[in-house]
Amino acid sequence: MRYIRMYKGSESGAPGVTLYEIDASGWVHRQLQVHADGVRFSPEDILLRRPVSVSYMADHPDAEEIAADEFELHWSEFDHRRRFRERMPNPWRAWQGRMITGDQARQLRWIPTGGHPGEGWIRVPGFVRLYVRGDGDVAWATQRELFLEREIQWDAPATGYLSQPAPARQIVDGLGLAGSLQSGGRDRAGSFVALA
């Protein structure tokens, strides 16, 4: 994966940043827009369904390529604000869900700890904590259906729903990306700690 930070303001002229996680074929897996007046995520608010030119984006005068760790740090600052979390009874708990589209029913798993549900499950593009049973085609199709806000029926999962434990997470102690946009870009000291 490659990670791009693009400095572009909103339509109102407010300062803003867009972050992209892009695979080797040019498909955007995660996208986040941060402006002084709000945050937008893919796929809830934005759906980009064609490959992009990573080299063109990286060469743009308003963009820069960043490390995966920096992308993840910014992502973790905003992930809890995404609208999708409002579609669950409690986004801080694990859930299993069913999304019915036409004659198909997709099985979903929401795992807030960042763990993995095991073989046969794949992460839905645009998410860190949402998985679907199936292959890559099913995952991308699920992303499109989420943009269309298809209904999901959520239930509490049975025990033993994780096959891999959650990785260490980072807690940001400082102004962060959102605060720097609201303060006019002034630098302020901050730190982070890793939690196991």
C-alpha atoms as a PDB file:
ATOM      1  CA  MET A   1       0.000   0.000   0.000  1.00  0.00           C
ATOM      2  CA  ARG A   2       0.993   3.611  -0.572  1.00  0.00           C
ATOM      3  CA  TYR A   3      -0.273   6.550   1.450  1.00  0.00           C
ATOM      4  CA  ILE A   4      -0.894  10.072   0.131  1.00  0.00           C
ATOM      5  CA  ARG A   5      -1.733  13.249   2.034  1.00  0.00           C
ATOM      6  CA  MET A   6      -3.326  15.920  -0.185  1.00  0.00           C
ATOM      7  CA  TYR A   7      -3.661  19.477   1.100  1.00  0.00           C
ATOM      8  CA  LYS A   8      -6.887  20.733  -0.438  1.00  0.00           C
ATOM      9  CA  GLY A   9      -9.490  22.937   1.184  1.00  0.00           C
ATOM     10  CA  SER A  10     -13.237  22.469   1.221  1.00  0.00           C
ATOM     11  CA  GLU A  11     -15.642  24.189  -1.176  1.00  0.00           C
ATOM     12  CA  SER A  12     -16.011  26.976   1.422  1.00  0.00           C
ATOM     13  CA  GLY A  13     -12.275  27.689   1.231  1.00  0.00           C
ATOM     14  CA  ALA A  14     -11.529  26.326   4.724  1.00  0.00           C
ATOM     15  CA  PRO A  15      -8.188  24.492   5.032  1.00  0.00           C
ATOM     16  CA  GLY A  16      -8.354  20.753   4.600  1.00  0.00           C
ATOM     17  CA  VAL A  17      -6.489  17.504   4.127  1.00  0.00           C
ATOM     18  CA  THR A  18      -7.444  14.292   2.308  1.00  0.00           C
ATOM     19  CA  LEU A  19      -5.687  11.035   3.174  1.00  0.00           C
ATOM     20  CA  TYR A  20      -5.577   8.052   0.807  1.00  0.00           C
ATOM     21  CA  GLU A  21      -4.545   4.415   1.233  1.00  0.00           C
ATOM     22  CA  ILE A  22      -3.939   3.033  -2.277  1.00  0.00           C
ATOM     23  CA  ASP A  23      -2.998  -0.474  -3.417  1.00  0.00           C
ATOM     24  CA  ALA A  24      -0.515  -1.384  -6.182  1.00  0.00           C
ATOM     25  CA  SER A  25      -3.290  -1.373  -8.810  1.00  0.00           C
ATOM     26  CA  GLY A  26      -4.407   2.142  -7.908  1.00  0.00           C
ATOM     27  CA  TRP A  27      -7.563   1.227  -5.965  1.00  0.00           C
ATOM     28  CA  VAL A  28      -8.279   3.441  -2.960  1.00  0.00           C
ATOM     29  CA  HIS A  29      -8.944   1.250   0.085  1.00  0.00           C
ATOM     30  CA  ARG A  30      -9.357   3.997   2.661  1.00  0.00           C
ATOM     31  CA  GLN A  31     -10.044   7.691   2.154  1.00  0.00           C
ATOM     32  CA  LEU A  32     -10.581  10.386   4.754  1.00  0.00           C
ATOM     33  CA  GLN A  33     -11.291  14.085   4.217  1.00  0.00           C
ATOM     34  CA  VAL A  34     -10.691  16.401   7.157  1.00  0.00           C
ATOM     35  CA  HIS A  35     -11.776  20.045   7.036  1.00  0.00           C
ATOM     36  CA  ALA A  36     -12.294  22.637   9.752  1.00  0.00           C
ATOM     37  CA  ASP A  37     -16.054  22.157   9.302  1.00  0.00           C
ATOM     38  CA  GLY A  38     -16.163  18.345   9.365  1.00  0.00           C
ATOM     39  CA  VAL A  39     -14.895  14.880   8.475  1.00  0.00           C
ATOM     40  CA  ARG A  40     -15.911  12.633   5.556  1.00  0.00           C
ATOM     41  CA  PHE A  41     -15.114   8.945   5.070  1.00  0.00           C
ATOM     42  CA  SER A  42     -15.264   6.497   2.204  1.00  0.00           C
ATOM     43  CA  PRO A  43     -17.621   4.714   1.665  1.00  0.00           C
ATOM     44  CA  GLU A  44     -20.274   6.468   3.808  1.00  0.00           C
ATOM     45  CA  ASP A  45     -19.784   9.924   2.304  1.00  0.00           C
ATOM     46  CA  ILE A  46     -17.491   9.368  -0.693  1.00  0.00           C
ATOM     47  CA  LEU A  47     -17.411   6.496  -3.203  1.00  0.00           C
ATOM     48  CA  LEU A  48     -14.427   6.385  -5.547  1.00  0.00           C
ATOM     49  CA  ARG A  49     -14.919   3.412  -7.866  1.00  0.00           C
ATOM     50  CA  ARG A  50     -12.034   3.678 -10.304  1.00  0.00           C
ATOM     51  CA  PRO A  51      -8.281   3.349  -9.921  1.00  0.00           C
ATOM     52  CA  VAL A  52      -6.190   6.475  -9.414  1.00  0.00           C
ATOM     53  CA  SER A  53      -2.671   7.316 -10.552  1.00  0.00           C
ATOM     54  CA  VAL A  54      -0.565   7.188  -7.403  1.00  0.00           C
ATOM     55  CA  SER A  55       2.494   8.636  -9.130  1.00  0.00           C
ATOM     56  CA  TYR A  56       0.466  11.592 -10.437  1.00  0.00           C
ATOM     57  CA  MET A  57      -1.012  12.184  -6.982  1.00  0.00           C
ATOM     58  CA  ALA A  58       2.401  11.957  -5.291  1.00  0.00           C
ATOM     59  CA  ASP A  59       3.866  14.460  -7.790  1.00  0.00           C
ATOM     60  CA  HIS A  60       1.050  16.975  -7.268  1.00  0.00           C
ATOM     61  CA  PRO A  61       2.356  20.193  -5.642  1.00  0.00           C
ATOM     62  CA  ASP A  62      -0.313  19.980  -2.902  1.00  0.00           C
ATOM     63  CA  ALA A  63       0.418  16.350  -2.016  1.00  0.00           C
ATOM     64  CA  GLU A  64       3.035  14.231  -0.327  1.00  0.00           C
ATOM     65  CA  GLU A  65       3.582  10.548   0.215  1.00  0.00           C
ATOM     66  CA  ILE A  66       3.575   9.590   3.894  1.00  0.00           C
ATOM     67  CA  ALA A  67       4.526   6.473   5.834  1.00  0.00           C
ATOM     68  CA  ALA A  68       1.953   3.867   6.838  1.00  0.00           C
ATOM     69  CA  ASP A  69       2.485   4.681  10.541  1.00  0.00           C
ATOM     70  CA  GLU A  70       1.657   8.344   9.975  1.00  0.00           C
ATOM     71  CA  PHE A  71      -1.464   7.443   7.984  1.00  0.00           C
ATOM     72  CA  GLU A  72      -2.611   5.070  10.751  1.00  0.00           C
ATOM     73  CA  LEU A  73      -2.012   7.723  13.397  1.00  0.00           C
ATOM     74  CA  HIS A  74      -4.241  10.204  11.539  1.00  0.00           C
ATOM     75  CA  TRP A  75      -6.823   7.507  10.772  1.00  0.00           C
ATOM     76  CA  SER A  76      -7.074   6.487  14.417  1.00  0.00           C
ATOM     77  CA  GLU A  77      -7.708  10.108  15.375  1.00  0.00           C
ATOM     78  CA  PHE A  78     -10.928  10.213  13.319  1.00  0.00           C
ATOM     79  CA  ASP A  79     -12.168   6.638  12.908  1.00  0.00           C
ATOM     80  CA  HIS A  80     -14.500   6.937  15.909  1.00  0.00           C
ATOM     81  CA  ARG A  81     -16.318   9.845  14.187  1.00  0.00           C
ATOM     82  CA  ARG A  82     -17.504   7.961  11.120  1.00  0.00           C
ATOM     83  CA  ARG A  83     -21.251   7.904  10.422  1.00  0.00           C
ATOM     84  CA  PHE A  84     -21.280   4.123   9.961  1.00  0.00           C
ATOM     85  CA  ARG A  85     -20.882   3.677  13.717  1.00  0.00           C
ATOM     86  CA  GLU A  86     -24.369   5.176  14.163  1.00  0.00           C
ATOM     87  CA  ARG A  87     -25.822   2.144  12.347  1.00  0.00           C
ATOM     88  CA  MET A  88     -24.892  -0.229  15.197  1.00  0.00           C
ATOM     89  CA  PRO A  89     -26.525  -0.589  18.609  1.00  0.00           C
ATOM     90  CA  ASN A  90     -23.146   0.033  20.315  1.00  0.00           C
ATOM     91  CA  PRO A  91     -19.991   0.503  18.163  1.00  0.00           C
ATOM     92  CA  TRP A  92     -17.728  -0.222  21.139  1.00  0.00           C
ATOM     93  CA  ARG A  93     -18.940  -3.870  21.186  1.00  0.00           C
ATOM     94  CA  ALA A  94     -18.458  -6.662  18.658  1.00  0.00           C
ATOM     95  CA  TRP A  95     -21.405  -7.447  16.367  1.00  0.00           C
ATOM     96  CA  GLN A  96     -22.335  -9.892  13.652  1.00  0.00           C
ATOM     97  CA  GLY A  97     -24.674  -8.674  10.963  1.00  0.00           C
ATOM     98  CA  ARG A  98     -26.609  -9.589   7.853  1.00  0.00           C
ATOM     99  CA  MET A  99     -26.955  -7.295   4.876  1.00  0.00           C
ATOM    100  CA  ILE A 100     -29.612  -8.425   2.426  1.00  0.00           C
ATOM    101  CA  THR A 101     -29.215  -7.171  -1.143  1.00  0.00           C
ATOM    102  CA  GLY A 102     -31.658  -8.614  -3.635  1.00  0.00           C
ATOM    103  CA  ASP A 103     -31.487 -12.392  -3.305  1.00  0.00           C
ATOM    104  CA  GLN A 104     -28.125 -12.348  -1.486  1.00  0.00           C
ATOM    105  CA  ALA A 105     -27.412 -12.155   2.229  1.00  0.00           C
ATOM    106  CA  ARG A 106     -23.932 -11.076   3.266  1.00  0.00           C
ATOM    107  CA  GLN A 107     -22.510 -11.954   6.671  1.00  0.00           C
ATOM    108  CA  LEU A 108     -20.688  -9.091   8.389  1.00  0.00           C
ATOM    109  CA  ARG A 109     -18.556  -8.850  11.523  1.00  0.00           C
ATOM    110  CA  TRP A 110     -17.744  -5.626  13.369  1.00  0.00           C
ATOM    111  CA  ILE A 111     -14.727  -6.060  15.653  1.00  0.00           C
ATOM    112  CA  PRO A 112     -13.907  -2.837  17.542  1.00  0.00           C
ATOM    113  CA  THR A 113     -10.683  -4.217  19.018  1.00  0.00           C
ATOM    114  CA  GLY A 114      -9.082  -4.531  15.577  1.00  0.00           C
ATOM    115  CA  GLY A 115      -8.795  -8.328  15.732  1.00  0.00           C
ATOM    116  CA  HIS A 116      -9.507 -10.662  12.797  1.00  0.00           C
ATOM    117  CA  PRO A 117     -12.472 -13.081  12.653  1.00  0.00           C
ATOM    118  CA  GLY A 118     -10.514 -15.839  10.873  1.00  0.00           C
ATOM    119  CA  GLU A 119     -10.405 -17.773   7.636  1.00  0.00           C
ATOM    120  CA  GLY A 120     -13.043 -16.898   5.062  1.00  0.00           C
ATOM    121  CA  TRP A 121     -13.446 -13.316   6.301  1.00  0.00           C
ATOM    122  CA  ILE A 122     -12.027 -10.278   4.491  1.00  0.00           C
ATOM    123  CA  ARG A 123     -11.860  -6.651   5.508  1.00  0.00           C
ATOM    124  CA  VAL A 124     -14.354  -4.366   3.749  1.00  0.00           C
ATOM    125  CA  PRO A 125     -12.413  -1.632   1.888  1.00  0.00           C
ATOM    126  CA  GLY A 126     -12.677   1.660   3.739  1.00  0.00           C
ATOM    127  CA  PHE A 127     -12.777   0.031   7.177  1.00  0.00           C
ATOM    128  CA  VAL A 128     -10.388  -1.321   9.776  1.00  0.00           C
ATOM    129  CA  ARG A 129     -12.979  -3.080  11.941  1.00  0.00           C
ATOM    130  CA  LEU A 130     -15.614  -4.352   9.473  1.00  0.00           C
ATOM    131  CA  TYR A 131     -15.318  -7.753   7.778  1.00  0.00           C
ATOM    132  CA  VAL A 132     -17.466  -9.692   5.315  1.00  0.00           C
ATOM    133  CA  ARG A 133     -17.483 -13.431   4.640  1.00  0.00           C
ATOM    134  CA  GLY A 134     -16.259 -13.986   1.100  1.00  0.00           C
ATOM    135  CA  ASP A 135     -13.553 -12.865  -1.302  1.00  0.00           C
ATOM    136  CA  GLY A 136     -12.285  -9.550  -2.646  1.00  0.00           C
ATOM    137  CA  ASP A 137     -15.185  -9.162  -5.078  1.00  0.00           C
ATOM    138  CA  VAL A 138     -17.671  -9.581  -2.222  1.00  0.00           C
ATOM    139  CA  ALA A 139     -15.735  -7.059  -0.099  1.00  0.00           C
ATOM    140  CA  TRP A 140     -15.777  -4.378  -2.838  1.00  0.00           C
ATOM    141  CA  ALA A 141     -19.466  -5.078  -3.571  1.00  0.00           C
ATOM    142  CA  THR A 142     -20.201  -4.689   0.154  1.00  0.00           C
ATOM    143  CA  GLN A 143     -18.434  -1.328   0.132  1.00  0.00           C
ATOM    144  CA  ARG A 144     -20.727  -0.137  -2.686  1.00  0.00           C
ATOM    145  CA  GLU A 145     -23.807  -1.367  -0.814  1.00  0.00           C
ATOM    146  CA  LEU A 146     -22.714   0.497   2.330  1.00  0.00           C
ATOM    147  CA  PHE A 147     -22.506   3.711   0.306  1.00  0.00           C
ATOM    148  CA  LEU A 148     -26.152   3.090  -0.684  1.00  0.00           C
ATOM    149  CA  GLU A 149     -26.939   2.614   3.032  1.00  0.00           C
ATOM    150  CA  ARG A 150     -28.429  -0.866   2.726  1.00  0.00           C
ATOM    151  CA  GLU A 151     -30.065  -2.151   5.892  1.00  0.00           C
ATOM    152  CA  ILE A 152     -27.979  -4.307   8.227  1.00  0.00           C
ATOM    153  CA  GLN A 153     -29.481  -6.518  10.931  1.00  0.00           C
ATOM    154  CA  TRP A 154     -27.053  -6.679  13.885  1.00  0.00           C
ATOM    155  CA  ASP A 155     -26.841  -9.366  16.580  1.00  0.00           C
ATOM    156  CA  ALA A 156     -24.362  -9.967  19.380  1.00  0.00           C
ATOM    157  CA  PRO A 157     -21.729 -12.509  18.248  1.00  0.00           C
ATOM    158  CA  ALA A 158     -21.264 -15.924  19.743  1.00  0.00           C
ATOM    159  CA  THR A 159     -18.161 -16.489  21.838  1.00  0.00           C
ATOM    160  CA  GLY A 160     -14.940 -17.301  20.022  1.00  0.00           C
ATOM    161  CA  TYR A 161     -15.530 -14.865  17.160  1.00  0.00           C
ATOM    162  CA  LEU A 162     -11.839 -13.869  16.907  1.00  0.00           C
ATOM    163  CA  SER A 163      -9.030 -15.971  15.502  1.00  0.00           C
ATOM    164  CA  GLN A 164      -6.299 -13.332  15.879  1.00  0.00           C
ATOM    165  CA  PRO A 165      -5.952 -10.911  18.790  1.00  0.00           C
ATOM    166  CA  ALA A 166      -5.992  -7.168  18.305  1.00  0.00           C
ATOM    167  CA  PRO A 167      -2.727  -5.358  17.564  1.00  0.00           C
ATOM    168  CA  ALA A 168      -1.405  -2.610  19.829  1.00  0.00           C
ATOM    169  CA  ARG A 169      -3.237   0.690  19.386  1.00  0.00           C
ATOM    170  CA  GLN A 170      -1.967   4.222  19.639  1.00  0.00           C
ATOM    171  CA  ILE A 171      -3.547   6.955  21.725  1.00  0.00           C
ATOM    172  CA  VAL A 172      -2.821  10.493  20.550  1.00  0.00           C
ATOM    173  CA  ASP A 173      -2.065  13.024  23.269  1.00  0.00           C
ATOM    174  CA  GLY A 174      -1.887  16.342  21.498  1.00  0.00           C
ATOM    175  CA  LEU A 175      -3.573  18.655  19.071  1.00  0.00           C
ATOM    176  CA  GLY A 176      -3.810  16.153  16.212  1.00  0.00           C
ATOM    177  CA  LEU A 177      -4.740  16.791  12.596  1.00  0.00           C
ATOM    178  CA  ALA A 178      -8.193  18.222  13.350  1.00  0.00           C
ATOM    179  CA  GLY A 179      -6.870  20.645  15.936  1.00  0.00           C
ATOM    180  CA  SER A 180      -4.111  21.887  13.662  1.00  0.00           C
ATOM    181  CA  LEU A 181      -6.677  22.686  10.957  1.00  0.00           C
ATOM    182  CA  GLN A 182      -8.837  24.590  13.419  1.00  0.00           C
ATOM    183  CA  SER A 183      -5.884  26.501  14.878  1.00  0.00           C
ATOM    184  CA  GLY A 184      -4.713  27.732  11.491  1.00  0.00           C
ATOM    185  CA  GLY A 185      -1.883  25.210  11.182  1.00  0.00           C
ATOM    186  CA  ARG A 186       0.130  26.345  14.233  1.00  0.00           C
ATOM    187  CA  ASP A 187       2.311  23.530  15.512  1.00  0.00           C
ATOM    188  CA  ARG A 188       1.759  22.302  19.023  1.00  0.00           C
ATOM    189  CA  ALA A 189       3.561  19.573  20.876  1.00  0.00           C
ATOM    190  CA  GLY A 190       1.923  16.185  21.122  1.00  0.00           C
ATOM    191  CA  SER A 191       2.862  12.618  21.856  1.00  0.00           C
ATOM    192  CA  PHE A 192       1.440   9.140  21.580  1.00  0.00           C
ATOM    193  CA  VAL A 193       1.678   5.949  23.535  1.00  0.00           C
ATOM    194  CA  ALA A 194       1.199   2.396  22.339  1.00  0.00           C
ATOM    195  CA  LEU A 195      -1.267   0.276  24.258  1.00  0.00           C
ATOM    196  CA  ALA A 196      -1.133  -3.507  24.120  1.00  0.00           C
END
